Amino acid sequence: MPDTQTKSTTKPLSADDLSAVIAIDKATSCTSRRGYFEKRLKAARLDQVRRLTRSG
């Protein structure tokens, strides 16, 4: 019987991962949503800056 358990690791996404995320999404949805992901990345960066400035 084949081993169906696969070990994988995860890491937080970074801006460097944007192209790969877009490619995976396009492969599964058959459409590019580059603008959507760029907007989400920008919002996440702004949120991070806001949290850092409040905690300082």
PDB file of N, CA and C in Angstrom:
ATOM      1  N   MET A   1       0.848  -1.173   0.000  1.00  0.00           N
ATOM      2  CA  MET A   1       0.000   0.000   0.000  1.00  0.00           C
ATOM      3  C   MET A   1       0.899   1.244   0.000  1.00  0.00           C
ATOM      4  N   PRO A   2       0.643   2.209  -0.880  1.00  0.00           N
ATOM      5  CA  PRO A   2       1.488   3.408  -0.951  1.00  0.00           C
ATOM      6  C   PRO A   2       1.270   4.315   0.257  1.00  0.00           C
ATOM      7  N   ASP A   3       2.327   5.003   0.619  1.00  0.00           N
ATOM      8  CA  ASP A   3       2.256   5.966   1.715  1.00  0.00           C
ATOM      9  C   ASP A   3       1.562   7.227   1.208  1.00  0.00           C
ATOM     10  N   THR A   4       0.405   7.544   1.767  1.00  0.00           N
ATOM     11  CA  THR A   4      -0.341   8.714   1.302  1.00  0.00           C
ATOM     12  C   THR A   4      -0.110   9.933   2.183  1.00  0.00           C
ATOM     13  N   GLN A   5       0.681   9.787   3.229  1.00  0.00           N
ATOM     14  CA  GLN A   5       0.983  10.922   4.087  1.00  0.00           C
ATOM     15  C   GLN A   5       2.174  11.672   3.508  1.00  0.00           C
ATOM     16  N   THR A   6       1.985  12.940   3.295  1.00  0.00           N
ATOM     17  CA  THR A   6       3.038  13.784   2.752  1.00  0.00           C
ATOM     18  C   THR A   6       3.390  14.837   3.788  1.00  0.00           C
ATOM     19  N   LYS A   7       4.662  14.978   4.053  1.00  0.00           N
ATOM     20  CA  LYS A   7       5.102  16.011   4.971  1.00  0.00           C
ATOM     21  C   LYS A   7       5.305  17.297   4.181  1.00  0.00           C
ATOM     22  N   SER A   8       4.831  18.383   4.734  1.00  0.00           N
ATOM     23  CA  SER A   8       5.010  19.672   4.087  1.00  0.00           C
ATOM     24  C   SER A   8       5.297  20.719   5.152  1.00  0.00           C
ATOM     25  N   THR A   9       5.873  21.792   4.718  1.00  0.00           N
ATOM     26  CA  THR A   9       6.134  22.907   5.614  1.00  0.00           C
ATOM     27  C   THR A   9       5.481  24.152   5.033  1.00  0.00           C
ATOM     28  N   THR A  10       5.184  25.084   5.888  1.00  0.00           N
ATOM     29  CA  THR A  10       4.606  26.338   5.440  1.00  0.00           C
ATOM     30  C   THR A  10       5.431  27.490   5.990  1.00  0.00           C
ATOM     31  N   LYS A  11       5.294  28.617   5.360  1.00  0.00           N
ATOM     32  CA  LYS A  11       5.965  29.832   5.816  1.00  0.00           C
ATOM     33  C   LYS A  11       5.044  31.005   5.525  1.00  0.00           C
ATOM     34  N   PRO A  12       5.234  32.100   6.235  1.00  0.00           N
ATOM     35  CA  PRO A  12       4.422  33.281   5.927  1.00  0.00           C
ATOM     36  C   PRO A  12       4.714  33.761   4.507  1.00  0.00           C
ATOM     37  N   LEU A  13       3.693  34.242   3.837  1.00  0.00           N
ATOM     38  CA  LEU A  13       3.891  34.776   2.490  1.00  0.00           C
ATOM     39  C   LEU A  13       4.633  36.095   2.552  1.00  0.00           C
ATOM     40  N   SER A  14       5.406  36.342   1.531  1.00  0.00           N
ATOM     41  CA  SER A  14       6.103  37.616   1.415  1.00  0.00           C
ATOM     42  C   SER A  14       5.828  38.191   0.025  1.00  0.00           C
ATOM     43  N   ALA A  15       6.252  39.416  -0.181  1.00  0.00           N
ATOM     44  CA  ALA A  15       6.064  40.054  -1.485  1.00  0.00           C
ATOM     45  C   ALA A  15       6.764  39.262  -2.584  1.00  0.00           C
ATOM     46  N   ASP A  16       7.845  38.582  -2.234  1.00  0.00           N
ATOM     47  CA  ASP A  16       8.573  37.781  -3.219  1.00  0.00           C
ATOM     48  C   ASP A  16       7.753  36.595  -3.728  1.00  0.00           C
ATOM     49  N   ASP A  17       6.719  36.215  -2.985  1.00  0.00           N
ATOM     50  CA  ASP A  17       5.872  35.081  -3.361  1.00  0.00           C
ATOM     51  C   ASP A  17       4.708  35.470  -4.265  1.00  0.00           C
ATOM     52  N   LEU A  18       4.531  36.759  -4.519  1.00  0.00           N
ATOM     53  CA  LEU A  18       3.360  37.239  -5.243  1.00  0.00           C
ATOM     54  C   LEU A  18       3.191  36.580  -6.615  1.00  0.00           C
ATOM     55  N   SER A  19       4.243  36.503  -7.389  1.00  0.00           N
ATOM     56  CA  SER A  19       4.135  35.894  -8.723  1.00  0.00           C
ATOM     57  C   SER A  19       3.717  34.432  -8.652  1.00  0.00           C
ATOM     58  N   ALA A  20       4.251  33.706  -7.688  1.00  0.00           N
ATOM     59  CA  ALA A  20       3.884  32.290  -7.543  1.00  0.00           C
ATOM     60  C   ALA A  20       2.427  32.142  -7.121  1.00  0.00           C
ATOM     61  N   VAL A  21       1.980  32.992  -6.209  1.00  0.00           N
ATOM     62  CA  VAL A  21       0.584  32.949  -5.761  1.00  0.00           C
ATOM     63  C   VAL A  21      -0.355  33.228  -6.934  1.00  0.00           C
ATOM     64  N   ILE A  22      -0.009  34.223  -7.729  1.00  0.00           N
ATOM     65  CA  ILE A  22      -0.829  34.574  -8.891  1.00  0.00           C
ATOM     66  C   ILE A  22      -0.856  33.422  -9.897  1.00  0.00           C
ATOM     67  N   ALA A  23       0.271  32.780 -10.110  1.00  0.00           N
ATOM     68  CA  ALA A  23       0.328  31.654 -11.049  1.00  0.00           C
ATOM     69  C   ALA A  23      -0.523  30.476 -10.570  1.00  0.00           C
ATOM     70  N   ILE A  24      -0.460  30.182  -9.275  1.00  0.00           N
ATOM     71  CA  ILE A  24      -1.268  29.088  -8.721  1.00  0.00           C
ATOM     72  C   ILE A  24      -2.749  29.422  -8.851  1.00  0.00           C
ATOM     73  N   ASP A  25      -3.112  30.649  -8.509  1.00  0.00           N
ATOM     74  CA  ASP A  25      -4.513  31.063  -8.612  1.00  0.00           C
ATOM     75  C   ASP A  25      -5.003  31.001 -10.054  1.00  0.00           C
ATOM     76  N   LYS A  26      -4.171  31.461 -10.982  1.00  0.00           N
ATOM     77  CA  LYS A  26      -4.570  31.445 -12.386  1.00  0.00           C
ATOM     78  C   LYS A  26      -4.749  30.008 -12.891  1.00  0.00           C
ATOM     79  N   ALA A  27      -3.899  29.110 -12.440  1.00  0.00           N
ATOM     80  CA  ALA A  27      -3.999  27.710 -12.864  1.00  0.00           C
ATOM     81  C   ALA A  27      -5.291  27.062 -12.367  1.00  0.00           C
ATOM     82  N   THR A  28      -5.772  27.502 -11.201  1.00  0.00           N
ATOM     83  CA  THR A  28      -6.984  26.892 -10.659  1.00  0.00           C
ATOM     84  C   THR A  28      -8.256  27.625 -11.061  1.00  0.00           C
ATOM     85  N   SER A  29      -8.146  28.924 -11.357  1.00  0.00           N
ATOM     86  CA  SER A  29      -9.350  29.686 -11.680  1.00  0.00           C
ATOM     87  C   SER A  29      -9.462  30.048 -13.161  1.00  0.00           C
ATOM     88  N   CYS A  30      -8.392  29.792 -13.918  1.00  0.00           N
ATOM     89  CA  CYS A  30      -8.342  30.093 -15.350  1.00  0.00           C
ATOM     90  C   CYS A  30      -8.471  31.583 -15.659  1.00  0.00           C
ATOM     91  N   THR A  31      -8.172  32.420 -14.684  1.00  0.00           N
ATOM     92  CA  THR A  31      -8.168  33.865 -14.904  1.00  0.00           C
ATOM     93  C   THR A  31      -7.127  34.495 -13.983  1.00  0.00           C
ATOM     94  N   SER A  32      -6.545  35.579 -14.434  1.00  0.00           N
ATOM     95  CA  SER A  32      -5.551  36.261 -13.615  1.00  0.00           C
ATOM     96  C   SER A  32      -6.243  37.283 -12.722  1.00  0.00           C
ATOM     97  N   ARG A  33      -5.929  37.216 -11.442  1.00  0.00           N
ATOM     98  CA  ARG A  33      -6.459  38.189 -10.494  1.00  0.00           C
ATOM     99  C   ARG A  33      -5.300  38.974  -9.865  1.00  0.00           C
ATOM    100  N   ARG A  34      -4.334  39.336 -10.709  1.00  0.00           N
ATOM    101  CA  ARG A  34      -3.139  40.043 -10.242  1.00  0.00           C
ATOM    102  C   ARG A  34      -3.515  41.298  -9.451  1.00  0.00           C
ATOM    103  N   GLY A  35      -4.431  42.093  -9.974  1.00  0.00           N
ATOM    104  CA  GLY A  35      -4.835  43.317  -9.293  1.00  0.00           C
ATOM    105  C   GLY A  35      -5.381  43.057  -7.902  1.00  0.00           C
ATOM    106  N   TYR A  36      -6.177  42.016  -7.778  1.00  0.00           N
ATOM    107  CA  TYR A  36      -6.740  41.650  -6.483  1.00  0.00           C
ATOM    108  C   TYR A  36      -5.628  41.324  -5.498  1.00  0.00           C
ATOM    109  N   PHE A  37      -4.682  40.490  -5.891  1.00  0.00           N
ATOM    110  CA  PHE A  37      -3.606  40.092  -4.978  1.00  0.00           C
ATOM    111  C   PHE A  37      -2.664  41.247  -4.669  1.00  0.00           C
ATOM    112  N   GLU A  38      -2.420  42.116  -5.632  1.00  0.00           N
ATOM    113  CA  GLU A  38      -1.584  43.286  -5.373  1.00  0.00           C
ATOM    114  C   GLU A  38      -2.271  44.208  -4.355  1.00  0.00           C
ATOM    115  N   LYS A  39      -3.587  44.366  -4.486  1.00  0.00           N
ATOM    116  CA  LYS A  39      -4.341  45.190  -3.537  1.00  0.00           C
ATOM    117  C   LYS A  39      -4.308  44.583  -2.137  1.00  0.00           C
ATOM    118  N   ARG A  40      -4.456  43.267  -2.048  1.00  0.00           N
ATOM    119  CA  ARG A  40      -4.427  42.593  -0.744  1.00  0.00           C
ATOM    120  C   ARG A  40      -3.046  42.720  -0.095  1.00  0.00           C
ATOM    121  N   LEU A  41      -1.989  42.600  -0.897  1.00  0.00           N
ATOM    122  CA  LEU A  41      -0.638  42.741  -0.362  1.00  0.00           C
ATOM    123  C   LEU A  41      -0.423  44.159   0.166  1.00  0.00           C
ATOM    124  N   LYS A  42      -0.876  45.141  -0.582  1.00  0.00           N
ATOM    125  CA  LYS A  42      -0.738  46.541  -0.155  1.00  0.00           C
ATOM    126  C   LYS A  42      -1.493  46.769   1.157  1.00  0.00           C
ATOM    127  N   ALA A  43      -2.704  46.241   1.260  1.00  0.00           N
ATOM    128  CA  ALA A  43      -3.494  46.393   2.479  1.00  0.00           C
ATOM    129  C   ALA A  43      -2.815  45.710   3.665  1.00  0.00           C
ATOM    130  N   ALA A  44      -2.237  44.552   3.439  1.00  0.00           N
ATOM    131  CA  ALA A  44      -1.548  43.836   4.515  1.00  0.00           C
ATOM    132  C   ALA A  44      -0.329  44.620   4.993  1.00  0.00           C
ATOM    133  N   ARG A  45       0.389  45.224   4.065  1.00  0.00           N
ATOM    134  CA  ARG A  45       1.549  46.032   4.445  1.00  0.00           C
ATOM    135  C   ARG A  45       1.115  47.247   5.256  1.00  0.00           C
ATOM    136  N   LEU A  46       0.056  47.920   4.826  1.00  0.00           N
ATOM    137  CA  LEU A  46      -0.439  49.085   5.571  1.00  0.00           C
ATOM    138  C   LEU A  46      -0.893  48.688   6.969  1.00  0.00           C
ATOM    139  N   ASP A  47      -1.562  47.556   7.082  1.00  0.00           N
ATOM    140  CA  ASP A  47      -2.015  47.072   8.376  1.00  0.00           C
ATOM    141  C   ASP A  47      -0.829  46.786   9.285  1.00  0.00           C
ATOM    142  N   GLN A  48       0.208  46.205   8.738  1.00  0.00           N
ATOM    143  CA  GLN A  48       1.405  45.899   9.520  1.00  0.00           C
ATOM    144  C   GLN A  48       2.051  47.194  10.028  1.00  0.00           C
ATOM    145  N   VAL A  49       2.143  48.198   9.177  1.00  0.00           N
ATOM    146  CA  VAL A  49       2.723  49.484   9.577  1.00  0.00           C
ATOM    147  C   VAL A  49       1.878  50.116  10.676  1.00  0.00           C
ATOM    148  N   ARG A  50       0.569  50.072  10.534  1.00  0.00           N
ATOM    149  CA  ARG A  50      -0.320  50.647  11.553  1.00  0.00           C
ATOM    150  C   ARG A  50      -0.129  49.961  12.899  1.00  0.00           C
ATOM    151  N   ARG A  51      -0.033  48.636  12.881  1.00  0.00           N
ATOM    152  CA  ARG A  51       0.168  47.912  14.139  1.00  0.00           C
ATOM    153  C   ARG A  51       1.505  48.258  14.774  1.00  0.00           C
ATOM    154  N   LEU A  52       2.534  48.400  13.960  1.00  0.00           N
ATOM    155  CA  LEU A  52       3.862  48.732  14.484  1.00  0.00           C
ATOM    156  C   LEU A  52       3.893  50.135  15.075  1.00  0.00           C
ATOM    157  N   THR A  53       3.220  51.073  14.433  1.00  0.00           N
ATOM    158  CA  THR A  53       3.246  52.441  14.948  1.00  0.00           C
ATOM    159  C   THR A  53       2.396  52.591  16.210  1.00  0.00           C
ATOM    160  N   ARG A  54       1.373  51.790  16.382  1.00  0.00           N
ATOM    161  CA  ARG A  54       0.557  51.830  17.603  1.00  0.00           C
ATOM    162  C   ARG A  54       1.277  51.212  18.785  1.00  0.00           C
ATOM    163  N   SER A  55       2.078  50.190  18.526  1.00  0.00           N
ATOM    164  CA  SER A  55       2.739  49.476  19.634  1.00  0.00           C
ATOM    165  C   SER A  55       4.008  50.175  20.084  1.00  0.00           C
ATOM    166  N   GLY A  56       4.510  51.120  19.306  1.00  0.00           N
ATOM    167  CA  GLY A  56       5.775  51.776  19.615  1.00  0.00           C
ATOM    168  C   GLY A  56       5.611  52.863  20.549  1.00  0.00           C
TER     169      GLY A  56
END
